[in-house]
PDB file of N, CA and C in Angstrom:
ATOM      1  N   MET A   1     111.146 -32.618  46.408  1.00  0.00           N
ATOM      2  CA  MET A   1     110.018 -32.626  45.522  1.00  0.00           C
ATOM      3  C   MET A   1     110.295 -31.720  44.340  1.00  0.00           C
ATOM      4  N   SER A   2     109.986 -32.195  43.180  1.00  0.00           N
ATOM      5  CA  SER A   2     110.205 -31.345  42.016  1.00  0.00           C
ATOM      6  C   SER A   2     109.133 -30.268  41.948  1.00  0.00           C
ATOM      7  N   ASP A   3     109.390 -29.266  41.169  1.00  0.00           N
ATOM      8  CA  ASP A   3     108.524 -28.093  41.147  1.00  0.00           C
ATOM      9  C   ASP A   3     107.195 -28.348  40.458  1.00  0.00           C
ATOM     10  N   ILE A   4     107.163 -29.255  39.490  1.00  0.00           N
ATOM     11  CA  ILE A   4     105.880 -29.540  38.829  1.00  0.00           C
ATOM     12  C   ILE A   4     104.927 -30.200  39.815  1.00  0.00           C
ATOM     13  N   ARG A   5     105.479 -30.919  40.774  1.00  0.00           N
ATOM     14  CA  ARG A   5     104.619 -31.514  41.801  1.00  0.00           C
ATOM     15  C   ARG A   5     103.948 -30.444  42.644  1.00  0.00           C
ATOM     16  N   PHE A   6     104.688 -29.387  42.973  1.00  0.00           N
ATOM     17  CA  PHE A   6     104.087 -28.299  43.734  1.00  0.00           C
ATOM     18  C   PHE A   6     102.969 -27.629  42.935  1.00  0.00           C
ATOM     19  N   VAL A   7     103.154 -27.483  41.650  1.00  0.00           N
ATOM     20  CA  VAL A   7     102.108 -26.889  40.814  1.00  0.00           C
ATOM     21  C   VAL A   7     100.865 -27.779  40.823  1.00  0.00           C
ATOM     22  N   LEU A   8     101.054 -29.077  40.650  1.00  0.00           N
ATOM     23  CA  LEU A   8      99.914 -29.997  40.650  1.00  0.00           C
ATOM     24  C   LEU A   8      99.232 -30.048  42.017  1.00  0.00           C
ATOM     25  N   ILE A   9     100.015 -30.067  43.085  1.00  0.00           N
ATOM     26  CA  ILE A   9      99.439 -30.061  44.430  1.00  0.00           C
ATOM     27  C   ILE A   9      98.675 -28.771  44.671  1.00  0.00           C
ATOM     28  N   GLY A  10      99.242 -27.646  44.231  1.00  0.00           N
ATOM     29  CA  GLY A  10      98.562 -26.360  44.397  1.00  0.00           C
ATOM     30  C   GLY A  10      97.230 -26.311  43.681  1.00  0.00           C
ATOM     31  N   VAL A  11      97.202 -26.788  42.449  1.00  0.00           N
ATOM     32  CA  VAL A  11      95.951 -26.803  41.688  1.00  0.00           C
ATOM     33  C   VAL A  11      94.934 -27.715  42.361  1.00  0.00           C
ATOM     34  N   ALA A  12      95.378 -28.882  42.832  1.00  0.00           N
ATOM     35  CA  ALA A  12      94.458 -29.824  43.490  1.00  0.00           C
ATOM     36  C   ALA A  12      93.900 -29.253  44.787  1.00  0.00           C
ATOM     37  N   VAL A  13      94.740 -28.610  45.586  1.00  0.00           N
ATOM     38  CA  VAL A  13      94.277 -28.057  46.868  1.00  0.00           C
ATOM     39  C   VAL A  13      93.307 -26.901  46.642  1.00  0.00           C
ATOM     40  N   ILE A  14      93.591 -26.053  45.670  1.00  0.00           N
ATOM     41  CA  ILE A  14      92.668 -24.951  45.361  1.00  0.00           C
ATOM     42  C   ILE A  14      91.337 -25.512  44.872  1.00  0.00           C
ATOM     43  N   PHE A  15      91.378 -26.524  44.026  1.00  0.00           N
ATOM     44  CA  PHE A  15      90.152 -27.147  43.536  1.00  0.00           C
ATOM     45  C   PHE A  15      89.341 -27.737  44.684  1.00  0.00           C
ATOM     46  N   VAL A  16      90.004 -28.420  45.602  1.00  0.00           N
ATOM     47  CA  VAL A  16      89.307 -29.009  46.757  1.00  0.00           C
ATOM     48  C   VAL A  16      88.693 -27.907  47.619  1.00  0.00           C
ATOM     49  N   GLY A  17      89.403 -26.801  47.804  1.00  0.00           N
ATOM     50  CA  GLY A  17      88.862 -25.686  48.584  1.00  0.00           C
ATOM     51  C   GLY A  17      87.590 -25.125  47.982  1.00  0.00           C
ATOM     52  N   PHE A  18      87.607 -24.897  46.673  1.00  0.00           N
ATOM     53  CA  PHE A  18      86.401 -24.381  46.016  1.00  0.00           C
ATOM     54  C   PHE A  18      85.284 -25.424  45.978  1.00  0.00           C
ATOM     55  N   LEU A  19      85.658 -26.683  45.865  1.00  0.00           N
ATOM     56  CA  LEU A  19      84.660 -27.748  45.869  1.00  0.00           C
ATOM     57  C   LEU A  19      83.957 -27.831  47.225  1.00  0.00           C
ATOM     58  N   ILE A  20      84.714 -27.778  48.302  1.00  0.00           N
ATOM     59  CA  ILE A  20      84.124 -27.793  49.645  1.00  0.00           C
ATOM     60  C   ILE A  20      83.251 -26.566  49.849  1.00  0.00           C
ATOM     61  N   LEU A  21      83.726 -25.409  49.411  1.00  0.00           N
ATOM     62  CA  LEU A  21      82.928 -24.196  49.534  1.00  0.00           C
ATOM     63  C   LEU A  21      81.628 -24.304  48.754  1.00  0.00           C
ATOM     64  N   GLY A  22      81.677 -24.869  47.564  1.00  0.00           N
ATOM     65  CA  GLY A  22      80.474 -24.999  46.739  1.00  0.00           C
ATOM     66  C   GLY A  22      79.477 -25.996  47.285  1.00  0.00           C
ATOM     67  N   ILE A  23      79.977 -27.103  47.846  1.00  0.00           N
ATOM     68  CA  ILE A  23      79.073 -28.145  48.335  1.00  0.00           C
ATOM     69  C   ILE A  23      78.493 -27.797  49.697  1.00  0.00           C
ATOM     70  N   PHE A  24      79.350 -27.383  50.624  1.00  0.00           N
ATOM     71  CA  PHE A  24      78.911 -27.175  52.002  1.00  0.00           C
ATOM     72  C   PHE A  24      78.683 -25.713  52.368  1.00  0.00           C
ATOM     73  N   GLY A  25      79.028 -24.786  51.482  1.00  0.00           N
ATOM     74  CA  GLY A  25      78.932 -23.364  51.804  1.00  0.00           C
ATOM     75  C   GLY A  25      77.518 -22.865  51.992  1.00  0.00           C
ATOM     76  N   GLU A  26      76.580 -23.487  51.335  1.00  0.00           N
ATOM     77  CA  GLU A  26      75.188 -23.042  51.439  1.00  0.00           C
ATOM     78  C   GLU A  26      74.654 -23.177  52.861  1.00  0.00           C
ATOM     79  N   ASN A  27      75.120 -24.191  53.577  1.00  0.00           N
ATOM     80  CA  ASN A  27      74.652 -24.409  54.948  1.00  0.00           C
ATOM     81  C   ASN A  27      75.106 -23.311  55.898  1.00  0.00           C
ATOM     82  N   TYR A  28      76.172 -22.583  55.533  1.00  0.00           N
ATOM     83  CA  TYR A  28      76.734 -21.579  56.434  1.00  0.00           C
ATOM     84  C   TYR A  28      76.384 -20.154  56.042  1.00  0.00           C
ATOM     85  N   GLN A  29      75.547 -19.947  55.042  1.00  0.00           N
ATOM     86  CA  GLN A  29      75.174 -18.602  54.645  1.00  0.00           C
ATOM     87  C   GLN A  29      73.964 -18.086  55.408  1.00  0.00           C
ATOM     88  N   ALA A  30      73.191 -18.953  55.975  1.00  0.00           N
ATOM     89  CA  ALA A  30      71.917 -18.553  56.585  1.00  0.00           C
ATOM     90  C   ALA A  30      72.094 -17.711  57.835  1.00  0.00           C
ATOM     91  N   SER A  31      73.176 -17.882  58.570  1.00  0.00           N
ATOM     92  CA  SER A  31      73.314 -17.147  59.832  1.00  0.00           C
ATOM     93  C   SER A  31      73.423 -15.644  59.611  1.00  0.00           C
ATOM     94  N   ASN A  32      74.117 -15.208  58.574  1.00  0.00           N
ATOM     95  CA  ASN A  32      74.188 -13.776  58.286  1.00  0.00           C
ATOM     96  C   ASN A  32      72.824 -13.218  57.923  1.00  0.00           C
ATOM     97  N   ILE A  33      72.099 -13.929  57.109  1.00  0.00           N
ATOM     98  CA  ILE A  33      70.775 -13.461  56.690  1.00  0.00           C
ATOM     99  C   ILE A  33      69.834 -13.411  57.888  1.00  0.00           C
ATOM    100  N   GLU A  34      69.837 -14.457  58.702  1.00  0.00           N
ATOM    101  CA  GLU A  34      68.955 -14.487  59.868  1.00  0.00           C
ATOM    102  C   GLU A  34      69.301 -13.378  60.856  1.00  0.00           C
ATOM    103  N   THR A  35      70.578 -13.155  61.090  1.00  0.00           N
ATOM    104  CA  THR A  35      70.982 -12.136  62.053  1.00  0.00           C
ATOM    105  C   THR A  35      70.650 -10.737  61.551  1.00  0.00           C
ATOM    106  N   ASN A  36      70.952 -10.459  60.300  1.00  0.00           N
ATOM    107  CA  ASN A  36      70.738  -9.115  59.769  1.00  0.00           C
ATOM    108  C   ASN A  36      69.261  -8.798  59.553  1.00  0.00           C
ATOM    109  N   GLU A  37      68.501  -9.753  59.078  1.00  0.00           N
ATOM    110  CA  GLU A  37      67.112  -9.478  58.736  1.00  0.00           C
ATOM    111  C   GLU A  37      66.149  -9.661  59.909  1.00  0.00           C
ATOM    112  N   PHE A  38      66.366 -10.717  60.697  1.00  0.00           N
ATOM    113  CA  PHE A  38      65.380 -11.063  61.719  1.00  0.00           C
ATOM    114  C   PHE A  38      65.884 -10.892  63.145  1.00  0.00           C
ATOM    115  N   GLY A  39      67.181 -10.989  63.371  1.00  0.00           N
ATOM    116  CA  GLY A  39      67.720 -10.869  64.717  1.00  0.00           C
ATOM    117  C   GLY A  39      67.680 -12.160  65.506  1.00  0.00           C
ATOM    118  N   ASN A  40      67.055 -13.188  64.987  1.00  0.00           N
ATOM    119  CA  ASN A  40      66.975 -14.492  65.657  1.00  0.00           C
ATOM    120  C   ASN A  40      67.572 -15.553  64.753  1.00  0.00           C
ATOM    121  N   CYS A  41      68.207 -16.564  65.365  1.00  0.00           N
ATOM    122  CA  CYS A  41      68.767 -17.673  64.598  1.00  0.00           C
ATOM    123  C   CYS A  41      68.071 -18.962  65.023  1.00  0.00           C
ATOM    124  N   PHE A  42      67.900 -19.851  64.068  1.00  0.00           N
ATOM    125  CA  PHE A  42      67.222 -21.113  64.331  1.00  0.00           C
ATOM    126  C   PHE A  42      68.031 -22.271  63.773  1.00  0.00           C
ATOM    127  N   GLU A  43      67.887 -23.425  64.415  1.00  0.00           N
ATOM    128  CA  GLU A  43      68.462 -24.677  63.926  1.00  0.00           C
ATOM    129  C   GLU A  43      67.335 -25.436  63.237  1.00  0.00           C
ATOM    130  N   TYR A  44      67.519 -25.729  61.973  1.00  0.00           N
ATOM    131  CA  TYR A  44      66.468 -26.370  61.195  1.00  0.00           C
ATOM    132  C   TYR A  44      66.762 -27.855  61.013  1.00  0.00           C
ATOM    133  N   SER A  45      65.708 -28.663  61.065  1.00  0.00           N
ATOM    134  CA  SER A  45      65.823 -30.093  60.761  1.00  0.00           C
ATOM    135  C   SER A  45      64.575 -30.519  59.994  1.00  0.00           C
ATOM    136  N   ASP A  46      64.641 -31.696  59.393  1.00  0.00           N
ATOM    137  CA  ASP A  46      63.534 -32.157  58.555  1.00  0.00           C
ATOM    138  C   ASP A  46      62.346 -32.664  59.359  1.00  0.00           C
ATOM    139  N   ASP A  47      62.605 -33.243  60.519  1.00  0.00           N
ATOM    140  CA  ASP A  47      61.517 -33.897  61.255  1.00  0.00           C
ATOM    141  C   ASP A  47      61.006 -33.108  62.455  1.00  0.00           C
ATOM    142  N   LYS A  48      61.657 -31.998  62.827  1.00  0.00           N
ATOM    143  CA  LYS A  48      61.227 -31.205  63.979  1.00  0.00           C
ATOM    144  C   LYS A  48      61.001 -29.757  63.570  1.00  0.00           C
ATOM    145  N   GLU A  49      60.387 -29.027  64.479  1.00  0.00           N
ATOM    146  CA  GLU A  49      60.215 -27.598  64.263  1.00  0.00           C
ATOM    147  C   GLU A  49      61.542 -26.887  64.510  1.00  0.00           C
ATOM    148  N   PRO A  50      61.731 -25.678  63.953  1.00  0.00           N
ATOM    149  CA  PRO A  50      62.981 -24.943  64.175  1.00  0.00           C
ATOM    150  C   PRO A  50      63.214 -24.651  65.656  1.00  0.00           C
ATOM    151  N   ILE A  51      64.451 -24.814  66.082  1.00  0.00           N
ATOM    152  CA  ILE A  51      64.836 -24.582  67.476  1.00  0.00           C
ATOM    153  C   ILE A  51      65.641 -23.284  67.539  1.00  0.00           C
ATOM    154  N   PRO A  52      65.262 -22.340  68.385  1.00  0.00           N
ATOM    155  CA  PRO A  52      66.050 -21.098  68.500  1.00  0.00           C
ATOM    156  C   PRO A  52      67.409 -21.395  69.142  1.00  0.00           C
ATOM    157  N   ILE A  53      68.452 -20.815  68.561  1.00  0.00           N
ATOM    158  CA  ILE A  53      69.805 -20.986  69.100  1.00  0.00           C
ATOM    159  C   ILE A  53      70.489 -19.630  69.164  1.00  0.00           C
ATOM    160  N   ASP A  54      71.667 -19.608  69.783  1.00  0.00           N
ATOM    161  CA  ASP A  54      72.444 -18.384  69.909  1.00  0.00           C
ATOM    162  C   ASP A  54      73.072 -18.033  68.556  1.00  0.00           C
ATOM    163  N   CYS A  55      72.865 -16.814  68.105  1.00  0.00           N
ATOM    164  CA  CYS A  55      73.384 -16.396  66.797  1.00  0.00           C
ATOM    165  C   CYS A  55      74.907 -16.340  66.774  1.00  0.00           C
ATOM    166  N   SER A  56      75.519 -16.010  67.899  1.00  0.00           N
ATOM    167  CA  SER A  56      76.977 -15.908  67.905  1.00  0.00           C
ATOM    168  C   SER A  56      77.625 -17.277  67.699  1.00  0.00           C
ATOM    169  N   ALA A  57      77.021 -18.335  68.227  1.00  0.00           N
ATOM    170  CA  ALA A  57      77.566 -19.678  68.024  1.00  0.00           C
ATOM    171  C   ALA A  57      77.444 -20.086  66.559  1.00  0.00           C
ATOM    172  N   LYS A  58      76.339 -19.742  65.937  1.00  0.00           N
ATOM    173  CA  LYS A  58      76.146 -20.075  64.526  1.00  0.00           C
ATOM    174  C   LYS A  58      77.106 -19.275  63.642  1.00  0.00           C
ATOM    175  N   GLU A  59      77.340 -18.011  63.987  1.00  0.00           N
ATOM    176  CA  GLU A  59      78.288 -17.199  63.231  1.00  0.00           C
ATOM    177  C   GLU A  59      79.720 -17.686  63.441  1.00  0.00           C
ATOM    178  N   PHE A  60      80.041 -18.171  64.643  1.00  0.00           N
ATOM    179  CA  PHE A  60      81.369 -18.723  64.895  1.00  0.00           C
ATOM    180  C   PHE A  60      81.607 -19.952  64.021  1.00  0.00           C
ATOM    181  N   ASP A  61      80.611 -20.828  63.924  1.00  0.00           N
ATOM    182  CA  ASP A  61      80.732 -22.004  63.059  1.00  0.00           C
ATOM    183  C   ASP A  61      80.928 -21.588  61.603  1.00  0.00           C
ATOM    184  N   GLN A  62      80.204 -20.575  61.178  1.00  0.00           N
ATOM    185  CA  GLN A  62      80.332 -20.076  59.812  1.00  0.00           C
ATOM    186  C   GLN A  62      81.729 -19.517  59.577  1.00  0.00           C
ATOM    187  N   ASN A  63      82.235 -18.716  60.504  1.00  0.00           N
ATOM    188  CA  ASN A  63      83.563 -18.135  60.345  1.00  0.00           C
ATOM    189  C   ASN A  63      84.651 -19.207  60.379  1.00  0.00           C
ATOM    190  N   LEU A  64      84.474 -20.227  61.193  1.00  0.00           N
ATOM    191  CA  LEU A  64      85.424 -21.330  61.255  1.00  0.00           C
ATOM    192  C   LEU A  64      85.456 -22.085  59.916  1.00  0.00           C
ATOM    193  N   PHE A  65      84.299 -22.338  59.366  1.00  0.00           N
ATOM    194  CA  PHE A  65      84.213 -23.023  58.068  1.00  0.00           C
ATOM    195  C   PHE A  65      84.902 -22.217  56.973  1.00  0.00           C
ATOM    196  N   PHE A  66      84.566 -20.938  56.878  1.00  0.00           N
ATOM    197  CA  PHE A  66      85.170 -20.120  55.838  1.00  0.00           C
ATOM    198  C   PHE A  66      86.671 -19.924  56.078  1.00  0.00           C
ATOM    199  N   GLY A  67      87.093 -19.889  57.329  1.00  0.00           N
ATOM    200  CA  GLY A  67      88.523 -19.819  57.628  1.00  0.00           C
ATOM    201  C   GLY A  67      89.258 -21.045  57.137  1.00  0.00           C
ATOM    202  N   LEU A  68      88.660 -22.227  57.317  1.00  0.00           N
ATOM    203  CA  LEU A  68      89.267 -23.459  56.820  1.00  0.00           C
ATOM    204  C   LEU A  68      89.345 -23.473  55.292  1.00  0.00           C
ATOM    205  N   VAL A  69      88.291 -23.023  54.648  1.00  0.00           N
ATOM    206  CA  VAL A  69      88.285 -22.982  53.184  1.00  0.00           C
ATOM    207  C   VAL A  69      89.331 -21.985  52.681  1.00  0.00           C
ATOM    208  N   ILE A  70      89.415 -20.830  53.306  1.00  0.00           N
ATOM    209  CA  ILE A  70      90.410 -19.830  52.907  1.00  0.00           C
ATOM    210  C   ILE A  70      91.815 -20.372  53.133  1.00  0.00           C
ATOM    211  N   ALA A  71      92.027 -21.098  54.244  1.00  0.00           N
ATOM    212  CA  ALA A  71      93.345 -21.684  54.507  1.00  0.00           C
ATOM    213  C   ALA A  71      93.722 -22.694  53.425  1.00  0.00           C
ATOM    214  N   LEU A  72      92.767 -23.504  52.982  1.00  0.00           N
ATOM    215  CA  LEU A  72      93.032 -24.449  51.897  1.00  0.00           C
ATOM    216  C   LEU A  72      93.421 -23.730  50.609  1.00  0.00           C
ATOM    217  N   ILE A  73      92.670 -22.702  50.270  1.00  0.00           N
ATOM    218  CA  ILE A  73      92.934 -21.976  49.027  1.00  0.00           C
ATOM    219  C   ILE A  73      94.280 -21.253  49.106  1.00  0.00           C
ATOM    220  N   VAL A  74      94.597 -20.655  50.249  1.00  0.00           N
ATOM    221  CA  VAL A  74      95.886 -19.967  50.403  1.00  0.00           C
ATOM    222  C   VAL A  74      97.036 -20.965  50.349  1.00  0.00           C
ATOM    223  N   ALA A  75      96.866 -22.139  50.955  1.00  0.00           N
ATOM    224  CA  ALA A  75      97.907 -23.170  50.884  1.00  0.00           C
ATOM    225  C   ALA A  75      98.137 -23.603  49.438  1.00  0.00           C
ATOM    226  N   GLY A  76      97.074 -23.716  48.670  1.00  0.00           N
ATOM    227  CA  GLY A  76      97.209 -24.048  47.257  1.00  0.00           C
ATOM    228  C   GLY A  76      97.920 -22.957  46.471  1.00  0.00           C
ATOM    229  N   ILE A  77      97.615 -21.714  46.776  1.00  0.00           N
ATOM    230  CA  ILE A  77      98.274 -20.594  46.092  1.00  0.00           C
ATOM    231  C   ILE A  77      99.757 -20.564  46.435  1.00  0.00           C
ATOM    232  N   ILE A  78     100.091 -20.812  47.693  1.00  0.00           N
ATOM    233  CA  ILE A  78     101.502 -20.849  48.100  1.00  0.00           C
ATOM    234  C   ILE A  78     102.236 -21.974  47.383  1.00  0.00           C
ATOM    235  N   ALA A  79     101.602 -23.137  47.274  1.00  0.00           N
ATOM    236  CA  ALA A  79     102.228 -24.250  46.551  1.00  0.00           C
ATOM    237  C   ALA A  79     102.408 -23.909  45.076  1.00  0.00           C
ATOM    238  N   LEU A  80     101.432 -23.238  44.483  1.00  0.00           N
ATOM    239  CA  LEU A  80     101.563 -22.813  43.083  1.00  0.00           C
ATOM    240  C   LEU A  80     102.725 -21.844  42.903  1.00  0.00           C
ATOM    241  N   ILE A  81     102.832 -20.877  43.790  1.00  0.00           N
ATOM    242  CA  ILE A  81     103.918 -19.901  43.690  1.00  0.00           C
ATOM    243  C   ILE A  81     105.263 -20.586  43.863  1.00  0.00           C
ATOM    244  N   LYS A  82     105.347 -21.502  44.822  1.00  0.00           N
ATOM    245  CA  LYS A  82     106.591 -22.234  45.037  1.00  0.00           C
ATOM    246  C   LYS A  82     106.941 -23.067  43.801  1.00  0.00           C
ATOM    247  N   GLY A  83     105.955 -23.668  43.186  1.00  0.00           N
ATOM    248  CA  GLY A  83     106.210 -24.463  41.992  1.00  0.00           C
ATOM    249  C   GLY A  83     106.606 -23.625  40.790  1.00  0.00           C
ATOM    250  N   VAL A  84     105.965 -22.483  40.607  1.00  0.00           N
ATOM    251  CA  VAL A  84     106.248 -21.638  39.451  1.00  0.00           C
ATOM    252  C   VAL A  84     107.614 -20.956  39.603  1.00  0.00           C
ATOM    253  N   ARG A  85     107.955 -20.550  40.815  1.00  0.00           N
ATOM    254  CA  ARG A  85     109.208 -19.848  41.039  1.00  0.00           C
ATOM    255  C   ARG A  85     110.376 -20.797  41.269  1.00  0.00           C
ATOM    256  N   GLY A  86     110.155 -22.083  41.176  1.00  0.00           N
ATOM    257  CA  GLY A  86     111.201 -23.062  41.447  1.00  0.00           C
ATOM    258  C   GLY A  86     112.378 -22.938  40.498  1.00  0.00           C
ATOM    259  N   ASP A  87     113.525 -23.363  40.986  1.00  0.00           N
ATOM    260  CA  ASP A  87     114.733 -23.304  40.170  1.00  0.00           C
ATOM    261  C   ASP A  87     115.394 -24.682  40.091  1.00  0.00           C
ATOM    262  N   TRP A  88     114.580 -25.682  39.921  1.00  0.00           N
ATOM    263  CA  TRP A  88     115.084 -27.048  39.890  1.00  0.00           C
ATOM    264  C   TRP A  88     116.022 -27.290  38.720  1.00  0.00           C
ATOM    265  N   ASP A  89     115.810 -26.614  37.603  1.00  0.00           N
ATOM    266  CA  ASP A  89     116.655 -26.854  36.441  1.00  0.00           C
ATOM    267  C   ASP A  89     118.043 -26.242  36.582  1.00  0.00           C
ATOM    268  N   SER A  90     118.223 -25.258  37.446  1.00  0.00           N
ATOM    269  CA  SER A  90     119.541 -24.664  37.638  1.00  0.00           C
ATOM    270  C   SER A  90     120.337 -25.350  38.739  1.00  0.00           C
ATOM    271  N   LYS A  91     119.753 -26.299  39.430  1.00  0.00           N
ATOM    272  CA  LYS A  91     120.438 -26.992  40.514  1.00  0.00           C
ATOM    273  C   LYS A  91     120.938 -28.374  40.112  1.00  0.00           C
ATOM    274  N   VAL A  92     121.076 -28.627  38.821  1.00  0.00           N
ATOM    275  CA  VAL A  92     121.570 -29.913  38.349  1.00  0.00           C
ATOM    276  C   VAL A  92     123.095 -29.922  38.498  1.00  0.00           C
ATOM    277  N   LYS A  93     123.635 -30.987  39.084  1.00  0.00           N
ATOM    278  CA  LYS A  93     125.084 -31.113  39.260  1.00  0.00           C
ATOM    279  C   LYS A  93     125.732 -31.337  37.895  1.00  0.00           C
ATOM    280  N   PRO A  94     126.928 -30.834  37.694  1.00  0.00           N
ATOM    281  CA  PRO A  94     127.599 -31.016  36.392  1.00  0.00           C
ATOM    282  C   PRO A  94     127.797 -32.477  36.017  1.00  0.00           C
ATOM    283  N   GLU A  95     128.031 -33.344  36.981  1.00  0.00           N
ATOM    284  CA  GLU A  95     128.229 -34.758  36.650  1.00  0.00           C
ATOM    285  C   GLU A  95     126.926 -35.460  36.284  1.00  0.00           C
ATOM    286  N   ASP A  96     125.784 -34.850  36.588  1.00  0.00           N
ATOM    287  CA  ASP A  96     124.491 -35.440  36.234  1.00  0.00           C
ATOM    288  C   ASP A  96     123.950 -34.942  34.899  1.00  0.00           C
ATOM    289  N   MET A  97     124.601 -33.959  34.309  1.00  0.00           N
ATOM    290  CA  MET A  97     124.119 -33.393  33.052  1.00  0.00           C
ATOM    291  C   MET A  97     124.365 -34.359  31.901  1.00  0.00           C
ATOM    292  N   VAL A  98     123.362 -34.506  31.056  1.00  0.00           N
ATOM    293  CA  VAL A  98     123.472 -35.303  29.838  1.00  0.00           C
ATOM    294  C   VAL A  98     122.796 -34.539  28.718  1.00  0.00           C
ATOM    295  N   GLY A  99     123.082 -34.904  27.510  1.00  0.00           N
ATOM    296  CA  GLY A  99     122.446 -34.241  26.388  1.00  0.00           C
ATOM    297  C   GLY A  99     123.431 -34.025  25.264  1.00  0.00           C
ATOM    298  N   PRO A 100     123.043 -33.270  24.235  1.00  0.00           N
ATOM    299  CA  PRO A 100     123.886 -33.092  23.055  1.00  0.00           C
ATOM    300  C   PRO A 100     125.214 -32.392  23.371  1.00  0.00           C
ATOM    301  N   SER A 101     125.234 -31.460  24.268  1.00  0.00           N
ATOM    302  CA  SER A 101     126.463 -30.736  24.549  1.00  0.00           C
ATOM    303  C   SER A 101     127.274 -31.385  25.661  1.00  0.00           C
ATOM    304  N   ARG A 102     126.703 -32.331  26.355  1.00  0.00           N
ATOM    305  CA  ARG A 102     127.388 -32.994  27.468  1.00  0.00           C
ATOM    306  C   ARG A 102     127.100 -34.475  27.364  1.00  0.00           C
ATOM    307  N   ASP A 103     128.124 -35.290  27.092  1.00  0.00           N
ATOM    308  CA  ASP A 103     127.895 -36.716  26.906  1.00  0.00           C
ATOM    309  C   ASP A 103     128.248 -37.544  28.138  1.00  0.00           C
ATOM    310  N   ASN A 104     128.509 -36.902  29.268  1.00  0.00           N
ATOM    311  CA  ASN A 104     128.716 -37.559  30.556  1.00  0.00           C
ATOM    312  C   ASN A 104     130.034 -38.354  30.585  1.00  0.00           C
ATOM    313  N   ARG A 105     131.051 -37.948  29.809  1.00  0.00           N
ATOM    314  CA  ARG A 105     132.378 -38.578  29.875  1.00  0.00           C
ATOM    315  C   ARG A 105     133.218 -37.820  30.872  1.00  0.00           C
ATOM    316  N   THR A 106     133.847 -38.518  31.736  1.00  0.00           N
ATOM    317  CA  THR A 106     134.688 -37.878  32.732  1.00  0.00           C
ATOM    318  C   THR A 106     136.167 -37.949  32.384  1.00  0.00           C
ATOM    319  N   ASP A 107     136.546 -38.797  31.398  1.00  0.00           N
ATOM    320  CA  ASP A 107     137.952 -38.922  31.052  1.00  0.00           C
ATOM    321  C   ASP A 107     138.443 -37.845  30.104  1.00  0.00           C
ATOM    322  N   GLY A 108     137.553 -37.126  29.460  1.00  0.00           N
ATOM    323  CA  GLY A 108     137.925 -36.025  28.582  1.00  0.00           C
ATOM    324  C   GLY A 108     138.278 -36.422  27.177  1.00  0.00           C
ATOM    325  N   SER A 109     138.171 -37.676  26.839  1.00  0.00           N
ATOM    326  CA  SER A 109     138.506 -38.117  25.477  1.00  0.00           C
ATOM    327  C   SER A 109     137.306 -37.923  24.571  1.00  0.00           C
ATOM    328  N   ASN A 110     137.597 -37.602  23.319  1.00  0.00           N
ATOM    329  CA  ASN A 110     136.541 -37.396  22.339  1.00  0.00           C
ATOM    330  C   ASN A 110     136.534 -38.481  21.286  1.00  0.00           C
ATOM    331  N   SER A 111     137.167 -39.610  21.522  1.00  0.00           N
ATOM    332  CA  SER A 111     137.210 -40.668  20.531  1.00  0.00           C
ATOM    333  C   SER A 111     135.934 -41.462  20.530  1.00  0.00           C
ATOM    334  N   ASP A 112     135.575 -42.004  19.383  1.00  0.00           N
ATOM    335  CA  ASP A 112     134.344 -42.786  19.254  1.00  0.00           C
ATOM    336  C   ASP A 112     134.545 -44.211  19.534  1.00  0.00           C
TER     337      ASP A 112
END
């Protein structure tokens, strides 16, 4: 894989991580507030009354979610670093080089 691909993959993965955090993160913030302020945790739904649940299970779900988001963002950062630090341009074989200073002739003649 070329290094620009790693840069693009890194940017995309970081964007997806922040997008998931922004869209679904609100659902996982309530357990800290409920535990710290009230000491009780509830499961909320639109059609029923709140159901009391174990706070540790809700906090585990929250930590699992944020762990997944952090893993996505770290994977994107690693891909970015790998892409930026890449040395793809120095690994070109001499026989593959072309350009003004190298015309890809192997016989050594300079005749037109």
